[in-house]
């Protein structure tokens, strides 16, 4: 973090971070379940598999119908009329004829080398396989959506935490510079505190304690840090262990985080901070927690 050389540092205002992902065009915020449902319903891959399953079903019905006996029936009728000359009376007479016929036939396959049965079996296998492939396509889309959702929530939360830390650090620097103006601290002490914060060796809480130690006459910032062991935990193993203990002690909060509700994240970070005596980095804790709840 770079700090301007002005007499005061103005930190940007922290914008509120929603615990749900907003849909485009001023739609209502979408929960994780809503995002997954929307993605599955509008997935081209799922639609293609659904259309393929419909074809498999029609093929199965056609293969079964080919084994069923068939019956055909037909009815026909014809009529004719005209005039003819009666040879006896030598006069015209009207003549009309009407003919009709009926027919019925049936057909039943007796043996076709088991082709029909094998066709039915193959069509049934394809239909069942299509059902499994459709579910697999839905699961893959839902999984990718869940990963993207948690990425958005994680990065959004990281931005919020970074802004909060920037505000706190800026306030501490402003306080140190004010004390310098009043002659209560040396310029070297101010520069040293700035460097420790910029190097990530101190978080906001440790910076406050360091400044308090300097004001109490315990020495320079570096001496105060060494005396009290003020240092952000850099051991990933120790930090991960503290996160595991915090998650194990708060199973209800874990379920809320897994459902996409990030509001209880502060409780987990607070538990880790207590376990590490305030020496944990909030951003690192958030990253570890998000990796474990995915």
Protein backbone atom coordinates (compact mmCIF):
# COMPACT_ATOMS: atom_id res chain seq x y z
CA UNK A 1 0.00 0.00 0.00
CA UNK A 2 1.48 3.35 -1.00
CA UNK A 3 0.78 6.38 1.16
CA UNK A 4 0.86 9.91 -0.29
CA UNK A 5 3.22 12.38 1.28
CA UNK A 6 0.57 14.91 2.16
CA UNK A 7 -0.21 15.98 5.70
CA UNK A 8 -3.40 13.96 5.77
CA UNK A 9 -4.65 10.86 4.09
CA UNK A 10 -8.24 10.64 2.93
CA UNK A 11 -9.44 7.05 2.55
CA UNK A 12 -12.18 6.28 0.06
CA UNK A 13 -15.57 5.66 1.52
CA UNK A 14 -16.40 1.97 1.81
CA UNK A 15 -19.34 1.09 -0.37
CA UNK A 16 -21.87 -1.39 1.05
CA UNK A 17 -21.29 -4.93 -0.18
CA UNK A 18 -24.36 -7.11 -0.70
CA UNK A 19 -24.40 -10.74 0.47
CA UNK A 20 -26.18 -11.75 -2.70
CA UNK A 21 -25.28 -11.30 -6.33
CA UNK A 22 -27.39 -8.75 -8.19
CA UNK A 23 -28.91 -9.68 -11.52
CA UNK A 24 -28.50 -7.31 -14.48
CA UNK A 25 -30.80 -4.40 -15.20
CA UNK A 26 -31.98 -3.50 -11.67
CA UNK A 27 -33.43 -6.96 -11.00
CA UNK A 28 -33.82 -8.14 -7.44
CA UNK A 29 -30.67 -9.64 -5.85
CA UNK A 30 -30.29 -13.34 -6.61
CA UNK A 31 -29.41 -15.96 -4.02
CA UNK A 32 -27.11 -18.89 -4.79
CA UNK A 33 -30.06 -21.22 -5.39
CA UNK A 34 -31.72 -18.70 -7.71
CA UNK A 35 -28.51 -18.25 -9.71
CA UNK A 36 -28.10 -22.00 -10.10
CA UNK A 37 -31.72 -22.49 -11.19
CA UNK A 38 -31.48 -19.66 -13.69
CA UNK A 39 -28.23 -21.00 -15.15
CA UNK A 40 -29.62 -24.54 -15.51
CA UNK A 41 -32.87 -23.35 -17.10
CA UNK A 42 -31.07 -21.20 -19.68
CA UNK A 43 -28.10 -23.46 -20.41
CA UNK A 44 -27.71 -24.36 -24.13
CA UNK A 45 -26.03 -27.64 -23.15
CA UNK A 46 -28.99 -28.66 -20.98
CA UNK A 47 -31.45 -27.73 -23.71
CA UNK A 48 -29.56 -29.74 -26.34
CA UNK A 49 -29.55 -32.79 -24.10
CA UNK A 50 -33.26 -32.34 -23.40
CA UNK A 51 -34.01 -32.32 -27.14
CA UNK A 52 -31.86 -35.42 -27.61
CA UNK A 53 -33.81 -37.18 -24.84
CA UNK A 54 -37.06 -36.44 -26.63
CA UNK A 55 -35.70 -38.14 -29.74
CA UNK A 56 -34.57 -41.13 -27.66
CA UNK A 57 -38.08 -41.42 -26.23
CA UNK A 58 -39.67 -41.37 -29.69
CA UNK A 59 -37.23 -44.02 -30.90
CA UNK A 60 -38.15 -46.21 -27.95
CA UNK A 61 -41.89 -45.83 -28.61
CA UNK A 62 -41.39 -46.63 -32.30
CA UNK A 63 -39.33 -49.75 -31.51
CA UNK A 64 -42.03 -51.04 -29.14
CA UNK A 65 -44.77 -50.29 -31.66
CA UNK A 66 -42.93 -52.34 -34.31
CA UNK A 67 -43.51 -55.48 -32.20
CA UNK A 68 -47.26 -54.96 -31.90
CA UNK A 69 -49.55 -56.70 -34.46
CA UNK A 70 -51.08 -54.37 -37.00
CA UNK A 71 -54.68 -54.45 -38.35
CA UNK A 72 -55.79 -52.65 -41.48
CA UNK A 73 -59.32 -52.04 -42.73
CA UNK A 74 -60.73 -50.45 -45.88
CA UNK A 75 -64.17 -49.48 -47.20
CA UNK A 76 -64.89 -48.37 -50.77
CA UNK A 77 -68.03 -47.37 -52.69
CA UNK A 78 -68.78 -46.20 -56.22
CA UNK A 79 -71.83 -45.05 -58.14
CA UNK A 80 -72.53 -44.43 -61.82
CA UNK A 81 -75.50 -43.18 -63.84
CA UNK A 82 -76.39 -42.55 -67.45
CA UNK A 83 -79.01 -43.02 -70.23
CA UNK A 84 -79.49 -45.84 -72.70
CA UNK A 85 -81.91 -46.71 -75.55
CA UNK A 86 -84.46 -49.42 -74.88
CA UNK A 87 -84.44 -51.60 -78.07
CA UNK A 88 -88.00 -52.73 -77.52
CA UNK A 89 -89.57 -49.32 -77.14
CA UNK A 90 -86.86 -47.34 -78.90
CA UNK A 91 -86.95 -44.79 -76.04
CA UNK A 92 -84.30 -43.43 -73.66
CA UNK A 93 -84.14 -44.87 -70.16
CA UNK A 94 -82.13 -43.65 -67.12
CA UNK A 95 -79.64 -46.17 -65.70
CA UNK A 96 -77.78 -45.88 -62.28
CA UNK A 97 -75.43 -48.35 -60.56
CA UNK A 98 -74.05 -48.42 -56.98
CA UNK A 99 -71.18 -50.70 -55.90
CA UNK A 100 -69.52 -51.05 -52.46
CA UNK A 101 -66.77 -53.24 -50.98
CA UNK A 102 -65.21 -53.96 -47.56
CA UNK A 103 -61.82 -55.41 -46.62
CA UNK A 104 -59.83 -56.13 -43.43
CA UNK A 105 -56.31 -57.49 -42.97
CA UNK A 106 -53.94 -58.15 -40.08
CA UNK A 107 -50.18 -58.61 -39.73
CA UNK A 108 -48.07 -59.97 -36.87
CA UNK A 109 -44.32 -60.60 -37.06
CA UNK A 110 -43.48 -64.11 -35.87
CA UNK A 111 -39.69 -64.13 -36.14
CA UNK A 112 -37.18 -61.55 -37.33
CA UNK A 113 -33.97 -62.86 -35.86
CA UNK A 114 -34.61 -61.03 -32.53
CA UNK A 115 -33.99 -57.77 -34.38
CA UNK A 116 -37.09 -56.14 -32.95
CA UNK A 117 -36.29 -57.09 -29.35
CA UNK A 118 -32.71 -55.91 -29.68
CA UNK A 119 -33.93 -52.66 -31.17
CA UNK A 120 -36.22 -52.13 -28.16
CA UNK A 121 -33.39 -52.88 -25.74
CA UNK A 122 -31.01 -50.51 -27.50
CA UNK A 123 -33.63 -47.75 -27.55
CA UNK A 124 -34.30 -48.26 -23.85
CA UNK A 125 -30.59 -48.04 -23.01
CA UNK A 126 -30.25 -44.83 -25.02
CA UNK A 127 -33.28 -43.35 -23.28
CA UNK A 128 -31.92 -44.14 -19.79
CA UNK A 129 -28.47 -42.92 -20.76
CA UNK A 130 -30.00 -39.68 -21.98
CA UNK A 131 -31.67 -39.16 -18.59
CA UNK A 132 -28.31 -39.58 -16.84
CA UNK A 133 -26.55 -37.28 -19.30
CA UNK A 134 -29.22 -34.63 -18.77
CA UNK A 135 -28.71 -34.77 -15.00
CA UNK A 136 -24.95 -34.63 -15.50
CA UNK A 137 -25.29 -31.54 -17.70
CA UNK A 138 -27.45 -29.87 -15.05
CA UNK A 139 -24.98 -30.73 -12.28
CA UNK A 140 -22.03 -29.35 -14.26
CA UNK A 141 -23.81 -26.07 -14.96
CA UNK A 142 -24.88 -25.76 -11.33
CA UNK A 143 -21.34 -26.48 -10.10
CA UNK A 144 -19.76 -23.89 -12.39
CA UNK A 145 -22.40 -21.37 -11.31
CA UNK A 146 -21.71 -22.07 -7.62
CA UNK A 147 -17.96 -21.60 -8.12
CA UNK A 148 -18.52 -18.31 -9.95
CA UNK A 149 -20.97 -17.15 -7.26
CA UNK A 150 -18.51 -17.81 -4.43
CA UNK A 151 -15.75 -16.09 -6.41
CA UNK A 152 -17.91 -12.99 -6.73
CA UNK A 153 -18.82 -13.05 -3.03
CA UNK A 154 -15.18 -13.61 -2.03
CA UNK A 155 -13.74 -10.84 -4.18
CA UNK A 156 -16.52 -8.47 -3.17
CA UNK A 157 -15.83 -9.18 0.50
CA UNK A 158 -12.10 -8.77 -0.07
CA UNK A 159 -12.67 -5.33 -1.55
CA UNK A 160 -14.79 -4.36 1.45
CA UNK A 161 -12.17 -5.56 3.93
CA UNK A 162 -9.41 -3.81 2.01
CA UNK A 163 -11.36 -0.55 2.11
CA UNK A 164 -11.98 -0.92 5.83
CA UNK A 165 -8.30 -1.58 6.50
CA UNK A 166 -7.34 1.35 4.30
CA UNK A 167 -9.62 3.64 6.28
CA UNK A 168 -8.21 2.44 9.59
CA UNK A 169 -4.61 2.65 8.44
CA UNK A 170 -5.20 6.12 7.02
CA UNK A 171 -6.68 7.21 10.34
CA UNK A 172 -3.63 5.90 12.21
CA UNK A 173 -1.26 7.68 9.84
CA UNK A 174 -3.22 10.88 10.19
CA UNK A 175 -3.03 10.51 13.96
CA UNK A 176 0.73 9.91 13.82
CA UNK A 177 1.26 12.96 11.62
CA UNK A 178 -0.85 15.05 13.97
CA UNK A 179 1.27 13.95 16.89
CA UNK A 180 4.35 14.85 14.87
CA UNK A 181 2.97 18.32 14.34
CA UNK A 182 2.45 18.63 18.10
CA UNK A 183 6.00 17.46 18.74
CA UNK A 184 4.95 14.27 20.53
CA UNK A 185 6.57 11.95 17.98
CA UNK A 186 9.54 12.12 15.67
CA UNK A 187 9.36 12.03 11.91
CA UNK A 188 11.33 8.77 12.00
CA UNK A 189 8.63 7.13 14.15
CA UNK A 190 5.91 8.19 11.72
CA UNK A 191 7.87 6.87 8.75
CA UNK A 192 8.55 3.62 10.57
CA UNK A 193 4.88 3.01 11.35
CA UNK A 194 4.01 3.78 7.72
CA UNK A 195 6.58 1.26 6.51
CA UNK A 196 5.36 -1.49 8.85
CA UNK A 197 1.79 -1.01 7.63
CA UNK A 198 2.81 -0.84 3.98
CA UNK A 199 4.90 -4.03 4.32
CA UNK A 200 1.91 -5.87 5.76
CA UNK A 201 3.66 -6.52 9.07
CA UNK A 202 1.00 -4.67 11.05
CA UNK A 203 -2.76 -4.63 10.71
CA UNK A 204 -4.98 -1.87 12.02
CA UNK A 205 -5.24 -3.28 15.54
CA UNK A 206 -1.51 -3.88 15.88
CA UNK A 207 -0.78 -0.42 14.47
CA UNK A 208 -2.94 1.15 17.19
CA UNK A 209 -1.16 -0.84 19.89
CA UNK A 210 2.23 0.10 18.44
CA UNK A 211 1.38 3.80 18.43
CA UNK A 212 0.10 3.51 22.00
CA UNK A 213 3.38 1.89 23.07
CA UNK A 214 5.43 4.63 21.43
CA UNK A 215 3.34 7.30 23.16
CA UNK A 216 3.83 5.47 26.46
CA UNK A 217 7.58 5.82 26.06
CA UNK A 218 8.35 2.18 25.33
CA UNK A 219 10.70 3.09 22.47
CA UNK A 220 10.54 3.31 18.70
CA UNK A 221 7.82 1.50 16.72
CA UNK A 222 10.24 -1.29 15.83
CA UNK A 223 11.22 -1.71 19.49
CA UNK A 224 7.58 -1.78 20.59
CA UNK A 225 6.77 -4.39 17.92
CA UNK A 226 9.64 -6.64 19.02
CA UNK A 227 8.92 -6.15 22.72
CA UNK A 228 5.26 -7.19 22.49
CA UNK A 229 5.57 -9.55 19.53
CA UNK A 230 3.29 -7.43 17.36
CA UNK A 231 3.32 -9.07 13.93
CA UNK A 232 0.73 -10.27 11.48
CA UNK A 233 0.59 -14.07 11.41
CA UNK A 234 2.37 -15.17 8.26
CA UNK A 235 2.41 -18.90 8.98
CA UNK A 236 -0.31 -20.35 6.73
CA UNK A 237 -0.41 -23.53 8.81
CA UNK A 238 -1.11 -21.69 12.04
CA UNK A 239 -3.67 -19.45 10.38
CA UNK A 240 -5.43 -22.40 8.74
CA UNK A 241 -5.52 -24.24 12.07
CA UNK A 242 -7.18 -21.24 13.70
CA UNK A 243 -9.72 -21.07 10.86
CA UNK A 244 -10.51 -24.81 11.21
CA UNK A 245 -11.11 -24.40 14.93
CA UNK A 246 -13.37 -21.40 14.35
CA UNK A 247 -15.41 -23.24 11.70
CA UNK A 248 -15.71 -26.36 13.86
CA UNK A 249 -16.97 -24.28 16.77
CA UNK A 250 -19.61 -22.53 14.63
CA UNK A 251 -21.36 -25.13 12.41
CA UNK A 252 -24.47 -22.96 12.08
CA UNK A 253 -22.39 -20.10 10.67
CA UNK A 254 -20.69 -22.51 8.25
CA UNK A 255 -24.09 -23.55 6.85
CA UNK A 256 -25.06 -19.90 6.34
CA UNK A 257 -21.79 -19.20 4.53
CA UNK A 258 -22.26 -22.24 2.29
CA UNK A 259 -25.74 -21.00 1.36
CA UNK A 260 -24.25 -17.70 0.15
CA UNK A 261 -25.01 -15.57 3.25
CA UNK A 262 -21.73 -13.77 3.96
CA UNK A 263 -22.97 -11.66 6.87
CA UNK A 264 -21.69 -14.11 9.56
CA UNK A 265 -18.17 -13.98 8.07
CA UNK A 266 -17.27 -11.32 10.64
CA UNK A 267 -17.93 -13.80 13.46
CA UNK A 268 -15.43 -16.28 12.01
CA UNK A 269 -12.84 -13.55 11.45
CA UNK A 270 -13.38 -12.35 15.02
CA UNK A 271 -12.85 -15.87 16.40
CA UNK A 272 -9.60 -16.21 14.42
CA UNK A 273 -8.49 -12.78 15.62
CA UNK A 274 -9.05 -13.83 19.23
CA UNK A 275 -7.15 -17.08 18.69
CA UNK A 276 -4.21 -15.20 17.17
CA UNK A 277 -4.36 -12.30 19.65
CA UNK A 278 -5.36 -9.91 16.87
CA UNK A 279 -2.35 -10.79 14.72
CA UNK A 280 -4.23 -12.39 11.80
CA UNK A 281 -4.72 -10.69 8.46
CA UNK A 282 -8.45 -10.39 7.76
CA UNK A 283 -8.01 -10.77 4.00
CA UNK A 284 -5.99 -13.95 4.42
CA UNK A 285 -8.58 -15.34 6.86
CA UNK A 286 -11.40 -14.62 4.40
CA UNK A 287 -9.53 -16.34 1.59
CA UNK A 288 -8.95 -19.48 3.65
CA UNK A 289 -12.58 -19.60 4.83
CA UNK A 290 -13.92 -19.25 1.27
CA UNK A 291 -11.63 -22.04 0.13
CA UNK A 292 -12.97 -24.38 2.82
CA UNK A 293 -16.69 -23.77 2.35
CA UNK A 294 -16.70 -24.30 -1.43
